[in-house]
Amino acid sequence: MNWSRKLAGTALAALSALPLSLAGGVQPASADTRGSCPYPYVCVYSNNSASGSPSAMYRDITSNYQTVTPRDPFSIINTRNDDTVYILYVYGGQITSDCLAPNGGFYSTSNTTIAGIRIDDRSYC
């Protein structure tokens, strides 16, 4: 009987220590900068390769499109982990919109001019 109590006590001590050892090894998720676009921004570039310094950076969640200086070509990098970005642009004379997922990028083709962006707190398009 003494042996079973000792075994039960050892097992209980091991189980109670388990969550503490696991919690010590868990690191919080870290946000990442992508190229020259720092977290938590959405960066607009005046080229279709997202290279160089951003021409504009946004981070506010809005219910309407934010004004963007027209650029052709353009690219966008979204460093946000949980927010989507809606892009308003003109292609072939037509106003079009597209959704950019969290941590995604958008690279325009020629004759595509950005007109606005809207950051949304949804994590999916």
C-alpha atoms as a PDB file:
ATOM      1  CA  MET A   1       0.000   0.000   0.000  1.00  0.00           C
ATOM      2  CA  ASN A   2       2.806   2.397   0.809  1.00  0.00           C
ATOM      3  CA  TRP A   3       4.383   1.638  -2.572  1.00  0.00           C
ATOM      4  CA  SER A   4       1.165   2.520  -4.477  1.00  0.00           C
ATOM      5  CA  ARG A   5       0.815   5.822  -2.586  1.00  0.00           C
ATOM      6  CA  LYS A   6       4.387   6.703  -3.441  1.00  0.00           C
ATOM      7  CA  LEU A   7       3.816   5.842  -7.125  1.00  0.00           C
ATOM      8  CA  ALA A   8       0.588   7.869  -7.210  1.00  0.00           C
ATOM      9  CA  GLY A   9       2.326  10.846  -5.577  1.00  0.00           C
ATOM     10  CA  THR A  10       5.185  10.693  -8.097  1.00  0.00           C
ATOM     11  CA  ALA A  11       2.758  10.529 -11.027  1.00  0.00           C
ATOM     12  CA  LEU A  12       0.745  13.464  -9.664  1.00  0.00           C
ATOM     13  CA  ALA A  13       3.901  15.547  -9.209  1.00  0.00           C
ATOM     14  CA  ALA A  14       5.013  14.763 -12.760  1.00  0.00           C
ATOM     15  CA  LEU A  15       1.629  15.697 -14.222  1.00  0.00           C
ATOM     16  CA  SER A  16       1.402  18.936 -12.279  1.00  0.00           C
ATOM     17  CA  ALA A  17       4.888  19.968 -13.440  1.00  0.00           C
ATOM     18  CA  LEU A  18       4.124  19.196 -17.080  1.00  0.00           C
ATOM     19  CA  PRO A  19       2.157  22.361 -17.926  1.00  0.00           C
ATOM     20  CA  LEU A  20       4.832  24.563 -16.340  1.00  0.00           C
ATOM     21  CA  SER A  21       7.585  23.003 -18.416  1.00  0.00           C
ATOM     22  CA  LEU A  22       5.524  23.307 -21.596  1.00  0.00           C
ATOM     23  CA  ALA A  23       4.551  26.911 -20.904  1.00  0.00           C
ATOM     24  CA  GLY A  24       8.173  27.876 -20.415  1.00  0.00           C
ATOM     25  CA  GLY A  25       9.073  26.672 -23.914  1.00  0.00           C
ATOM     26  CA  VAL A  26       6.257  28.413 -25.778  1.00  0.00           C
ATOM     27  CA  GLN A  27       7.201  31.676 -27.439  1.00  0.00           C
ATOM     28  CA  PRO A  28       4.604  34.227 -28.539  1.00  0.00           C
ATOM     29  CA  ALA A  29       4.047  34.558 -32.260  1.00  0.00           C
ATOM     30  CA  SER A  30       6.225  37.280 -33.679  1.00  0.00           C
ATOM     31  CA  ALA A  31       5.235  39.685 -36.395  1.00  0.00           C
ATOM     32  CA  ASP A  32       7.516  39.998 -39.359  1.00  0.00           C
ATOM     33  CA  THR A  33       8.720  42.860 -41.465  1.00  0.00           C
ATOM     34  CA  ARG A  34       8.671  42.003 -45.169  1.00  0.00           C
ATOM     35  CA  GLY A  35      11.415  43.687 -47.124  1.00  0.00           C
ATOM     36  CA  SER A  36      11.185  47.393 -46.384  1.00  0.00           C
ATOM     37  CA  CYS A  37       7.596  47.176 -45.072  1.00  0.00           C
ATOM     38  CA  PRO A  38       7.487  47.040 -41.242  1.00  0.00           C
ATOM     39  CA  TYR A  39       4.798  45.261 -39.221  1.00  0.00           C
ATOM     40  CA  PRO A  40       1.878  46.189 -38.831  1.00  0.00           C
ATOM     41  CA  TYR A  41       1.739  48.262 -42.018  1.00  0.00           C
ATOM     42  CA  VAL A  42       0.315  47.912 -45.485  1.00  0.00           C
ATOM     43  CA  CYS A  43       2.892  49.382 -47.854  1.00  0.00           C
ATOM     44  CA  VAL A  44       2.339  50.740 -51.346  1.00  0.00           C
ATOM     45  CA  TYR A  45       5.277  50.812 -53.767  1.00  0.00           C
ATOM     46  CA  SER A  46       5.641  52.773 -57.017  1.00  0.00           C
ATOM     47  CA  ASN A  47       6.759  49.672 -58.918  1.00  0.00           C
ATOM     48  CA  ASN A  48       5.417  46.175 -59.527  1.00  0.00           C
ATOM     49  CA  SER A  49       8.135  44.387 -57.546  1.00  0.00           C
ATOM     50  CA  ALA A  50       7.703  45.818 -54.015  1.00  0.00           C
ATOM     51  CA  SER A  51      11.327  46.905 -54.067  1.00  0.00           C
ATOM     52  CA  GLY A  52      12.953  49.978 -52.610  1.00  0.00           C
ATOM     53  CA  SER A  53      11.264  52.179 -50.050  1.00  0.00           C
ATOM     54  CA  PRO A  54       7.470  52.287 -49.788  1.00  0.00           C
ATOM     55  CA  SER A  55       5.786  55.297 -51.374  1.00  0.00           C
ATOM     56  CA  ALA A  56       3.062  55.172 -48.722  1.00  0.00           C
ATOM     57  CA  MET A  57       2.294  53.164 -45.564  1.00  0.00           C
ATOM     58  CA  TYR A  58      -1.097  52.564 -43.920  1.00  0.00           C
ATOM     59  CA  ARG A  59      -2.131  50.880 -40.684  1.00  0.00           C
ATOM     60  CA  ASP A  60      -5.595  52.145 -39.748  1.00  0.00           C
ATOM     61  CA  ILE A  61      -8.641  49.924 -40.135  1.00  0.00           C
ATOM     62  CA  THR A  62     -11.287  51.975 -41.943  1.00  0.00           C
ATOM     63  CA  SER A  63     -14.825  51.478 -43.191  1.00  0.00           C
ATOM     64  CA  ASN A  64     -14.122  53.392 -46.427  1.00  0.00           C
ATOM     65  CA  TYR A  65     -11.286  53.391 -48.919  1.00  0.00           C
ATOM     66  CA  GLN A  66      -8.339  55.585 -48.006  1.00  0.00           C
ATOM     67  CA  THR A  67      -7.053  57.874 -50.722  1.00  0.00           C
ATOM     68  CA  VAL A  68      -3.861  56.726 -52.396  1.00  0.00           C
ATOM     69  CA  THR A  69      -1.783  58.787 -54.794  1.00  0.00           C
ATOM     70  CA  PRO A  70      -2.347  57.152 -58.205  1.00  0.00           C
ATOM     71  CA  ARG A  71       0.572  54.967 -59.247  1.00  0.00           C
ATOM     72  CA  ASP A  72       1.133  52.862 -62.364  1.00  0.00           C
ATOM     73  CA  PRO A  73       2.626  50.346 -61.864  1.00  0.00           C
ATOM     74  CA  PHE A  74       2.253  49.623 -58.163  1.00  0.00           C
ATOM     75  CA  SER A  75       2.625  46.827 -55.637  1.00  0.00           C
ATOM     76  CA  ILE A  76       1.315  46.306 -52.115  1.00  0.00           C
ATOM     77  CA  ILE A  77       2.664  44.320 -49.174  1.00  0.00           C
ATOM     78  CA  ASN A  78       0.418  43.471 -46.218  1.00  0.00           C
ATOM     79  CA  THR A  79       2.466  42.620 -43.111  1.00  0.00           C
ATOM     80  CA  ARG A  80      -0.607  42.329 -40.885  1.00  0.00           C
ATOM     81  CA  ASN A  81      -1.276  38.861 -39.468  1.00  0.00           C
ATOM     82  CA  ASP A  82      -5.060  39.035 -39.059  1.00  0.00           C
ATOM     83  CA  ASP A  83      -6.331  41.761 -41.383  1.00  0.00           C
ATOM     84  CA  THR A  84      -7.236  41.794 -45.056  1.00  0.00           C
ATOM     85  CA  VAL A  85      -6.712  44.699 -47.457  1.00  0.00           C
ATOM     86  CA  TYR A  86      -9.147  45.690 -50.186  1.00  0.00           C
ATOM     87  CA  ILE A  87      -7.486  47.336 -53.162  1.00  0.00           C
ATOM     88  CA  LEU A  88      -9.353  49.695 -55.477  1.00  0.00           C
ATOM     89  CA  TYR A  89      -7.693  50.157 -58.858  1.00  0.00           C
ATOM     90  CA  VAL A  90      -8.360  51.046 -62.477  1.00  0.00           C
ATOM     91  CA  TYR A  91      -7.512  48.438 -65.107  1.00  0.00           C
ATOM     92  CA  GLY A  92      -8.435  48.837 -68.756  1.00  0.00           C
ATOM     93  CA  GLY A  93     -10.615  51.825 -67.938  1.00  0.00           C
ATOM     94  CA  GLN A  94     -12.689  49.809 -65.411  1.00  0.00           C
ATOM     95  CA  ILE A  95     -12.717  50.379 -61.661  1.00  0.00           C
ATOM     96  CA  THR A  96     -11.957  47.047 -60.004  1.00  0.00           C
ATOM     97  CA  SER A  97     -11.401  45.848 -56.455  1.00  0.00           C
ATOM     98  CA  ASP A  98      -9.505  42.891 -55.095  1.00  0.00           C
ATOM     99  CA  CYS A  99      -8.817  41.438 -51.673  1.00  0.00           C
ATOM    100  CA  LEU A 100      -5.350  40.820 -50.285  1.00  0.00           C
ATOM    101  CA  ALA A 101      -5.052  38.182 -47.547  1.00  0.00           C
ATOM    102  CA  PRO A 102      -3.032  38.696 -44.352  1.00  0.00           C
ATOM    103  CA  ASN A 103       0.732  38.648 -45.030  1.00  0.00           C
ATOM    104  CA  GLY A 104       0.074  38.761 -48.767  1.00  0.00           C
ATOM    105  CA  GLY A 105       1.336  40.777 -51.691  1.00  0.00           C
ATOM    106  CA  PHE A 106      -0.233  42.308 -54.797  1.00  0.00           C
ATOM    107  CA  TYR A 107       1.785  43.129 -57.909  1.00  0.00           C
ATOM    108  CA  SER A 108       0.121  45.111 -60.683  1.00  0.00           C
ATOM    109  CA  THR A 109       0.465  44.689 -64.407  1.00  0.00           C
ATOM    110  CA  SER A 110       0.968  47.577 -66.793  1.00  0.00           C
ATOM    111  CA  ASN A 111      -1.922  49.990 -67.303  1.00  0.00           C
ATOM    112  CA  THR A 112      -3.123  49.381 -63.736  1.00  0.00           C
ATOM    113  CA  THR A 113      -3.485  52.418 -61.472  1.00  0.00           C
ATOM    114  CA  ILE A 114      -4.178  52.197 -57.748  1.00  0.00           C
ATOM    115  CA  ALA A 115      -7.031  54.381 -56.511  1.00  0.00           C
ATOM    116  CA  GLY A 116      -7.480  53.392 -52.831  1.00  0.00           C
ATOM    117  CA  ILE A 117      -7.026  50.822 -50.091  1.00  0.00           C
ATOM    118  CA  ARG A 118      -9.141  49.733 -47.159  1.00  0.00           C
ATOM    119  CA  ILE A 119      -7.804  47.678 -44.252  1.00  0.00           C
ATOM    120  CA  ASP A 120     -10.449  45.341 -42.818  1.00  0.00           C
ATOM    121  CA  ASP A 121     -10.280  43.484 -39.509  1.00  0.00           C
ATOM    122  CA  ARG A 122     -11.463  40.211 -41.090  1.00  0.00           C
ATOM    123  CA  SER A 123      -8.760  37.571 -41.439  1.00  0.00           C
ATOM    124  CA  TYR A 124     -10.137  36.165 -44.692  1.00  0.00           C
ATOM    125  CA  CYS A 125     -11.252  37.554 -48.057  1.00  0.00           C
END
